[in-house]
Amino acid sequence: MKKTFILTFLISCCLVRFSVFAQGILTAAAFFQTVSAEYGKIEDYEADVSIKAAKKVMEGRVSFKRPDLLRIDFSKPENQVICFNGDLLTIYLPESAAILNQNVQSSGTGNAANLATAQGLSLMSRYYSVAYESGQEPVALDEGSNEMVVKLVLSRRNTSEAFRYINLAVQPETKLIRRIEAITPQNEKFQFDFSNYSLNQGISDQRFIYDPPTSANNYNNFLFTEQ
């Protein structure tokens, strides 16, 4: 009887210790859901954004309003603008004095700029599997950086997705996305860095109505124009 009691006691202690340990484990999928839930509370936001692609760096201020209104006013290149009003994508290229217009029927994970939204995160959870890059504990954003983030690696479930991998760096306290790295099947990388967020400021729809300079040349449906 005494041995049975001691054995039962030891097993109970082990189970309690394991339960406490397990409560401290947050799977990558569960952490991703907390990020998605946080973005579900956001009606609009503005943030500084830096975009790196093909060794080119662009900088500006991004504005977003649910469900899919988006605008980026660039300081580098100066005066360049990208604006999406839900139906029409407009890109103003001041260096070329060109206005590119494209009717867009839908948006999804094929557009890296849309990933930092509730809709983009929902699509990612559906079409990508989620894992920690190095564990659930925050790590340095870059080598030698004092900024700590949780890093996730998303791998596409099928080959129809535009990006083979999507790497996310998330601020652990706010659950806001600090960096997105989207890698195509051709190993092209698009990096988006977000900082200085302003959330739920009541941005007007007028913010997403862009009137480009009348002196610029218009190119409509440029994505499907034959060269």
C-alpha atoms as a PDB file:
ATOM      1  CA  MET A   1       0.000   0.000   0.000  1.00  0.00           C
ATOM      2  CA  LYS A   2       2.830   2.389   0.919  1.00  0.00           C
ATOM      3  CA  LYS A   3       4.666   1.721  -2.369  1.00  0.00           C
ATOM      4  CA  THR A   4       1.451   2.260  -4.321  1.00  0.00           C
ATOM      5  CA  PHE A   5       0.867   5.566  -2.553  1.00  0.00           C
ATOM      6  CA  ILE A   6       4.446   6.749  -3.258  1.00  0.00           C
ATOM      7  CA  LEU A   7       4.172   5.716  -6.912  1.00  0.00           C
ATOM      8  CA  THR A   8       0.830   7.493  -7.278  1.00  0.00           C
ATOM      9  CA  PHE A   9       2.273  10.593  -5.621  1.00  0.00           C
ATOM     10  CA  LEU A  10       5.293  10.651  -7.960  1.00  0.00           C
ATOM     11  CA  ILE A  11       3.110  10.209 -11.037  1.00  0.00           C
ATOM     12  CA  SER A  12       0.834  13.021  -9.858  1.00  0.00           C
ATOM     13  CA  CYS A  13       3.830  15.323  -9.359  1.00  0.00           C
ATOM     14  CA  CYS A  14       5.117  14.510 -12.836  1.00  0.00           C
ATOM     15  CA  LEU A  15       1.710  15.193 -14.375  1.00  0.00           C
ATOM     16  CA  VAL A  16       1.443  18.529 -12.565  1.00  0.00           C
ATOM     17  CA  ARG A  17       4.942  19.532 -13.715  1.00  0.00           C
ATOM     18  CA  PHE A  18       4.159  18.501 -17.290  1.00  0.00           C
ATOM     19  CA  SER A  19       0.872  20.430 -17.203  1.00  0.00           C
ATOM     20  CA  VAL A  20       2.655  23.584 -16.035  1.00  0.00           C
ATOM     21  CA  PHE A  21       5.333  23.099 -18.703  1.00  0.00           C
ATOM     22  CA  ALA A  22       2.738  22.509 -21.437  1.00  0.00           C
ATOM     23  CA  GLN A  23       0.856  25.659 -20.483  1.00  0.00           C
ATOM     24  CA  GLY A  24       4.002  27.637 -21.317  1.00  0.00           C
ATOM     25  CA  ILE A  25       4.182  26.221 -24.847  1.00  0.00           C
ATOM     26  CA  LEU A  26       2.454  28.197 -27.587  1.00  0.00           C
ATOM     27  CA  THR A  27       2.519  26.500 -30.959  1.00  0.00           C
ATOM     28  CA  ALA A  28       3.435  28.522 -34.031  1.00  0.00           C
ATOM     29  CA  ALA A  29      -0.080  28.079 -35.422  1.00  0.00           C
ATOM     30  CA  ALA A  30      -1.609  29.321 -32.159  1.00  0.00           C
ATOM     31  CA  PHE A  31       0.726  32.313 -32.039  1.00  0.00           C
ATOM     32  CA  PHE A  32      -0.145  33.125 -35.657  1.00  0.00           C
ATOM     33  CA  GLN A  33      -3.823  33.074 -34.704  1.00  0.00           C
ATOM     34  CA  THR A  34      -3.178  35.655 -31.974  1.00  0.00           C
ATOM     35  CA  VAL A  35      -1.582  37.889 -34.607  1.00  0.00           C
ATOM     36  CA  SER A  36      -4.534  37.372 -36.944  1.00  0.00           C
ATOM     37  CA  ALA A  37      -6.972  38.145 -34.110  1.00  0.00           C
ATOM     38  CA  GLU A  38      -5.120  41.385 -33.347  1.00  0.00           C
ATOM     39  CA  TYR A  39      -5.346  42.506 -36.966  1.00  0.00           C
ATOM     40  CA  GLY A  40      -9.036  41.621 -36.898  1.00  0.00           C
ATOM     41  CA  LYS A  41      -9.470  44.500 -34.429  1.00  0.00           C
ATOM     42  CA  ILE A  42      -7.825  47.025 -36.735  1.00  0.00           C
ATOM     43  CA  GLU A  43     -10.154  49.178 -38.824  1.00  0.00           C
ATOM     44  CA  ASP A  44      -7.351  51.286 -40.273  1.00  0.00           C
ATOM     45  CA  TYR A  45      -3.673  51.976 -39.774  1.00  0.00           C
ATOM     46  CA  GLU A  46      -0.771  54.034 -41.018  1.00  0.00           C
ATOM     47  CA  ALA A  47       2.877  53.041 -40.760  1.00  0.00           C
ATOM     48  CA  ASP A  48       6.275  53.854 -42.149  1.00  0.00           C
ATOM     49  CA  VAL A  49       7.259  51.252 -44.729  1.00  0.00           C
ATOM     50  CA  SER A  50      10.519  50.285 -46.366  1.00  0.00           C
ATOM     51  CA  ILE A  51      10.409  47.991 -49.395  1.00  0.00           C
ATOM     52  CA  LYS A  52      13.425  46.100 -50.725  1.00  0.00           C
ATOM     53  CA  ALA A  53      13.326  44.247 -54.028  1.00  0.00           C
ATOM     54  CA  ALA A  54      16.077  43.431 -56.521  1.00  0.00           C
ATOM     55  CA  LYS A  55      18.624  45.510 -54.541  1.00  0.00           C
ATOM     56  CA  LYS A  56      16.353  48.532 -54.790  1.00  0.00           C
ATOM     57  CA  VAL A  57      15.071  50.256 -51.653  1.00  0.00           C
ATOM     58  CA  MET A  58      11.867  52.286 -51.500  1.00  0.00           C
ATOM     59  CA  GLU A  59      10.543  54.190 -48.475  1.00  0.00           C
ATOM     60  CA  GLY A  60       7.243  55.841 -47.661  1.00  0.00           C
ATOM     61  CA  ARG A  61       4.113  55.939 -45.524  1.00  0.00           C
ATOM     62  CA  VAL A  62       1.418  53.314 -45.981  1.00  0.00           C
ATOM     63  CA  SER A  63      -2.271  53.866 -45.218  1.00  0.00           C
ATOM     64  CA  PHE A  64      -4.740  50.980 -44.959  1.00  0.00           C
ATOM     65  CA  LYS A  65      -8.469  50.836 -44.281  1.00  0.00           C
ATOM     66  CA  ARG A  66     -10.671  47.768 -44.123  1.00  0.00           C
ATOM     67  CA  PRO A  67     -11.551  45.871 -46.115  1.00  0.00           C
ATOM     68  CA  ASP A  68      -8.955  46.540 -48.844  1.00  0.00           C
ATOM     69  CA  LEU A  69      -8.193  50.250 -49.292  1.00  0.00           C
ATOM     70  CA  LEU A  70      -4.458  50.859 -49.589  1.00  0.00           C
ATOM     71  CA  ARG A  71      -2.202  53.805 -50.344  1.00  0.00           C
ATOM     72  CA  ILE A  72       1.563  54.304 -50.180  1.00  0.00           C
ATOM     73  CA  ASP A  73       3.073  57.785 -50.506  1.00  0.00           C
ATOM     74  CA  PHE A  74       6.770  57.411 -51.160  1.00  0.00           C
ATOM     75  CA  SER A  75       9.571  59.672 -50.031  1.00  0.00           C
ATOM     76  CA  LYS A  76      11.997  57.447 -51.957  1.00  0.00           C
ATOM     77  CA  PRO A  77      11.403  57.699 -54.906  1.00  0.00           C
ATOM     78  CA  GLU A  78      10.049  61.120 -54.032  1.00  0.00           C
ATOM     79  CA  ASN A  79       6.385  61.774 -54.894  1.00  0.00           C
ATOM     80  CA  GLN A  80       5.749  58.237 -56.183  1.00  0.00           C
ATOM     81  CA  VAL A  81       2.305  56.933 -55.181  1.00  0.00           C
ATOM     82  CA  ILE A  82       0.547  53.578 -55.142  1.00  0.00           C
ATOM     83  CA  CYS A  83      -3.191  53.735 -54.463  1.00  0.00           C
ATOM     84  CA  PHE A  84      -5.875  51.040 -54.471  1.00  0.00           C
ATOM     85  CA  ASN A  85      -9.489  52.126 -53.920  1.00  0.00           C
ATOM     86  CA  GLY A  86     -10.980  48.642 -53.877  1.00  0.00           C
ATOM     87  CA  ASP A  87     -11.445  48.425 -57.642  1.00  0.00           C
ATOM     88  CA  LEU A  88      -8.701  50.418 -59.331  1.00  0.00           C
ATOM     89  CA  LEU A  89      -4.961  50.214 -58.741  1.00  0.00           C
ATOM     90  CA  THR A  90      -3.142  53.442 -59.652  1.00  0.00           C
ATOM     91  CA  ILE A  91       0.631  53.845 -59.688  1.00  0.00           C
ATOM     92  CA  TYR A  92       2.182  57.239 -60.321  1.00  0.00           C
ATOM     93  CA  LEU A  93       5.821  57.178 -61.496  1.00  0.00           C
ATOM     94  CA  PRO A  94       7.119  60.777 -61.397  1.00  0.00           C
ATOM     95  CA  GLU A  95      10.488  59.921 -62.971  1.00  0.00           C
ATOM     96  CA  SER A  96       8.690  58.600 -66.055  1.00  0.00           C
ATOM     97  CA  ALA A  97       5.780  61.046 -65.896  1.00  0.00           C
ATOM     98  CA  ALA A  98       3.562  57.960 -66.150  1.00  0.00           C
ATOM     99  CA  ILE A  99       0.278  56.901 -64.539  1.00  0.00           C
ATOM    100  CA  LEU A 100      -0.397  53.153 -64.533  1.00  0.00           C
ATOM    101  CA  ASN A 101      -4.017  52.105 -64.004  1.00  0.00           C
ATOM    102  CA  GLN A 102      -5.239  48.571 -63.524  1.00  0.00           C
ATOM    103  CA  ASN A 103      -8.710  47.275 -62.730  1.00  0.00           C
ATOM    104  CA  VAL A 104      -8.339  44.636 -60.007  1.00  0.00           C
ATOM    105  CA  GLN A 105     -11.090  42.096 -59.353  1.00  0.00           C
ATOM    106  CA  SER A 106      -9.631  40.597 -56.196  1.00  0.00           C
ATOM    107  CA  SER A 107      -6.625  40.721 -53.932  1.00  0.00           C
ATOM    108  CA  GLY A 108      -4.899  37.966 -52.025  1.00  0.00           C
ATOM    109  CA  THR A 109      -1.564  36.545 -50.980  1.00  0.00           C
ATOM    110  CA  GLY A 110      -0.175  37.193 -54.446  1.00  0.00           C
ATOM    111  CA  ASN A 111       0.327  40.812 -53.425  1.00  0.00           C
ATOM    112  CA  ALA A 112       2.921  41.112 -50.661  1.00  0.00           C
ATOM    113  CA  ALA A 113       1.672  44.560 -49.669  1.00  0.00           C
ATOM    114  CA  ASN A 114      -1.689  43.068 -48.671  1.00  0.00           C
ATOM    115  CA  LEU A 115      -0.204  40.505 -46.291  1.00  0.00           C
ATOM    116  CA  ALA A 116      -0.180  42.865 -43.294  1.00  0.00           C
ATOM    117  CA  THR A 117      -3.989  42.898 -43.116  1.00  0.00           C
ATOM    118  CA  ALA A 118      -6.640  40.719 -41.493  1.00  0.00           C
ATOM    119  CA  GLN A 119      -7.688  39.429 -44.926  1.00  0.00           C
ATOM    120  CA  GLY A 120      -4.107  38.632 -45.926  1.00  0.00           C
ATOM    121  CA  LEU A 121      -3.433  36.782 -42.675  1.00  0.00           C
ATOM    122  CA  SER A 122      -6.623  34.767 -43.084  1.00  0.00           C
ATOM    123  CA  LEU A 123      -5.538  33.682 -46.555  1.00  0.00           C
ATOM    124  CA  MET A 124      -2.067  32.821 -45.313  1.00  0.00           C
ATOM    125  CA  SER A 125      -3.434  30.529 -42.601  1.00  0.00           C
ATOM    126  CA  ARG A 126      -5.492  28.754 -45.251  1.00  0.00           C
ATOM    127  CA  TYR A 127      -2.802  28.258 -47.878  1.00  0.00           C
ATOM    128  CA  TYR A 128       0.415  28.132 -45.842  1.00  0.00           C
ATOM    129  CA  SER A 129       1.680  25.977 -42.981  1.00  0.00           C
ATOM    130  CA  VAL A 130       3.192  27.877 -40.046  1.00  0.00           C
ATOM    131  CA  ALA A 131       6.328  27.112 -38.018  1.00  0.00           C
ATOM    132  CA  TYR A 132       8.695  28.990 -35.749  1.00  0.00           C
ATOM    133  CA  GLU A 133      12.014  29.885 -37.317  1.00  0.00           C
ATOM    134  CA  SER A 134      13.923  29.273 -34.081  1.00  0.00           C
ATOM    135  CA  GLY A 135      11.343  28.835 -31.309  1.00  0.00           C
ATOM    136  CA  GLN A 136       8.641  30.807 -29.542  1.00  0.00           C
ATOM    137  CA  GLU A 137      11.029  33.093 -27.648  1.00  0.00           C
ATOM    138  CA  PRO A 138      11.766  36.512 -29.200  1.00  0.00           C
ATOM    139  CA  VAL A 139      15.058  36.871 -31.073  1.00  0.00           C
ATOM    140  CA  ALA A 140      16.922  39.823 -32.569  1.00  0.00           C
ATOM    141  CA  LEU A 141      15.353  41.242 -35.723  1.00  0.00           C
ATOM    142  CA  ASP A 142      18.805  41.381 -37.328  1.00  0.00           C
ATOM    143  CA  GLU A 143      22.186  40.240 -36.121  1.00  0.00           C
ATOM    144  CA  GLY A 144      23.376  42.717 -33.511  1.00  0.00           C
ATOM    145  CA  SER A 145      19.974  44.428 -33.252  1.00  0.00           C
ATOM    146  CA  ASN A 146      18.409  45.237 -29.883  1.00  0.00           C
ATOM    147  CA  GLU A 147      14.913  44.919 -31.373  1.00  0.00           C
ATOM    148  CA  MET A 148      13.342  41.592 -30.427  1.00  0.00           C
ATOM    149  CA  VAL A 149      10.713  39.802 -32.514  1.00  0.00           C
ATOM    150  CA  VAL A 150       9.089  36.405 -32.903  1.00  0.00           C
ATOM    151  CA  LYS A 151      10.007  34.903 -36.269  1.00  0.00           C
ATOM    152  CA  LEU A 152       7.664  32.645 -38.214  1.00  0.00           C
ATOM    153  CA  VAL A 153       8.204  30.703 -41.434  1.00  0.00           C
ATOM    154  CA  LEU A 154       5.177  30.041 -43.643  1.00  0.00           C
ATOM    155  CA  SER A 155       5.495  27.364 -46.322  1.00  0.00           C
ATOM    156  CA  ARG A 156       2.978  27.084 -49.136  1.00  0.00           C
ATOM    157  CA  ARG A 157       0.762  24.003 -49.157  1.00  0.00           C
ATOM    158  CA  ASN A 158       0.550  23.825 -52.958  1.00  0.00           C
ATOM    159  CA  THR A 159       2.479  25.169 -55.934  1.00  0.00           C
ATOM    160  CA  SER A 160      -0.287  27.516 -57.095  1.00  0.00           C
ATOM    161  CA  GLU A 161       0.633  30.159 -54.493  1.00  0.00           C
ATOM    162  CA  ALA A 162       2.713  33.098 -55.701  1.00  0.00           C
ATOM    163  CA  PHE A 163       5.235  32.848 -52.865  1.00  0.00           C
ATOM    164  CA  ARG A 164       7.114  29.704 -51.909  1.00  0.00           C
ATOM    165  CA  TYR A 165       7.925  30.986 -48.425  1.00  0.00           C
ATOM    166  CA  ILE A 166       6.771  33.931 -46.341  1.00  0.00           C
ATOM    167  CA  ASN A 167       8.861  34.910 -43.336  1.00  0.00           C
ATOM    168  CA  LEU A 168       7.191  37.061 -40.683  1.00  0.00           C
ATOM    169  CA  ALA A 169       8.812  38.999 -37.851  1.00  0.00           C
ATOM    170  CA  VAL A 170       6.198  39.947 -35.244  1.00  0.00           C
ATOM    171  CA  GLN A 171       6.486  42.347 -32.326  1.00  0.00           C
ATOM    172  CA  PRO A 172       5.748  40.105 -29.298  1.00  0.00           C
ATOM    173  CA  GLU A 173       3.944  42.731 -27.207  1.00  0.00           C
ATOM    174  CA  THR A 174       1.696  44.325 -29.825  1.00  0.00           C
ATOM    175  CA  LYS A 175       1.406  41.325 -32.195  1.00  0.00           C
ATOM    176  CA  LEU A 176       1.974  43.756 -35.088  1.00  0.00           C
ATOM    177  CA  ILE A 177       4.025  42.686 -38.086  1.00  0.00           C
ATOM    178  CA  ARG A 178       7.465  44.250 -38.123  1.00  0.00           C
ATOM    179  CA  ARG A 179       8.801  42.586 -41.273  1.00  0.00           C
ATOM    180  CA  ILE A 180       7.582  40.464 -44.160  1.00  0.00           C
ATOM    181  CA  GLU A 181       9.918  38.565 -46.454  1.00  0.00           C
ATOM    182  CA  ALA A 182       8.153  36.942 -49.400  1.00  0.00           C
ATOM    183  CA  ILE A 183      10.194  34.564 -51.553  1.00  0.00           C
ATOM    184  CA  THR A 184       8.994  33.512 -55.012  1.00  0.00           C
ATOM    185  CA  PRO A 185       9.675  30.116 -56.647  1.00  0.00           C
ATOM    186  CA  GLN A 186      12.419  31.910 -58.617  1.00  0.00           C
ATOM    187  CA  ASN A 187      14.053  32.920 -55.302  1.00  0.00           C
ATOM    188  CA  GLU A 188      13.179  36.578 -55.768  1.00  0.00           C
ATOM    189  CA  LYS A 189      12.751  38.238 -52.384  1.00  0.00           C
ATOM    190  CA  PHE A 190      10.468  41.115 -51.472  1.00  0.00           C
ATOM    191  CA  GLN A 191      11.048  42.594 -48.024  1.00  0.00           C
ATOM    192  CA  PHE A 192       8.594  44.926 -46.293  1.00  0.00           C
ATOM    193  CA  ASP A 193       9.559  46.622 -43.016  1.00  0.00           C
ATOM    194  CA  PHE A 194       6.822  48.341 -40.997  1.00  0.00           C
ATOM    195  CA  SER A 195       7.381  50.770 -38.117  1.00  0.00           C
ATOM    196  CA  ASN A 196       5.732  53.680 -36.288  1.00  0.00           C
ATOM    197  CA  TYR A 197       2.205  52.307 -36.491  1.00  0.00           C
ATOM    198  CA  SER A 198      -0.839  54.521 -35.877  1.00  0.00           C
ATOM    199  CA  LEU A 199      -3.948  52.380 -35.359  1.00  0.00           C
ATOM    200  CA  ASN A 200      -7.662  53.111 -35.721  1.00  0.00           C
ATOM    201  CA  GLN A 201      -7.371  56.824 -36.420  1.00  0.00           C
ATOM    202  CA  GLY A 202     -10.623  56.993 -38.399  1.00  0.00           C
ATOM    203  CA  ILE A 203      -9.004  57.442 -41.812  1.00  0.00           C
ATOM    204  CA  SER A 204     -11.477  58.844 -44.341  1.00  0.00           C
ATOM    205  CA  ASP A 205     -12.244  57.049 -47.614  1.00  0.00           C
ATOM    206  CA  GLN A 206     -11.160  60.266 -49.312  1.00  0.00           C
ATOM    207  CA  ARG A 207      -7.605  59.325 -48.415  1.00  0.00           C
ATOM    208  CA  PHE A 208      -7.774  56.623 -51.066  1.00  0.00           C
ATOM    209  CA  ILE A 209      -8.950  58.867 -53.882  1.00  0.00           C
ATOM    210  CA  TYR A 210      -5.825  59.898 -55.756  1.00  0.00           C
ATOM    211  CA  ASP A 211      -5.717  62.575 -58.442  1.00  0.00           C
ATOM    212  CA  PRO A 212      -2.408  62.202 -60.304  1.00  0.00           C
ATOM    213  CA  PRO A 213      -0.848  65.093 -62.243  1.00  0.00           C
ATOM    214  CA  THR A 214      -2.692  65.825 -65.486  1.00  0.00           C
ATOM    215  CA  SER A 215       0.615  66.284 -67.320  1.00  0.00           C
ATOM    216  CA  ALA A 216       1.535  62.588 -66.908  1.00  0.00           C
ATOM    217  CA  ASN A 217       0.788  59.941 -69.538  1.00  0.00           C
ATOM    218  CA  ASN A 218      -1.901  57.358 -68.728  1.00  0.00           C
ATOM    219  CA  TYR A 219      -1.431  53.637 -69.345  1.00  0.00           C
ATOM    220  CA  ASN A 220      -4.582  51.633 -68.626  1.00  0.00           C
ATOM    221  CA  ASN A 221      -4.655  47.920 -67.768  1.00  0.00           C
ATOM    222  CA  PHE A 222      -0.867  47.932 -67.936  1.00  0.00           C
ATOM    223  CA  LEU A 223      -0.520  44.414 -66.539  1.00  0.00           C
ATOM    224  CA  PHE A 224      -2.100  42.974 -69.669  1.00  0.00           C
ATOM    225  CA  THR A 225      -0.709  45.364 -72.257  1.00  0.00           C
ATOM    226  CA  GLU A 226       1.369  43.627 -74.941  1.00  0.00           C
ATOM    227  CA  GLN A 227       4.921  44.891 -75.246  1.00  0.00           C
END
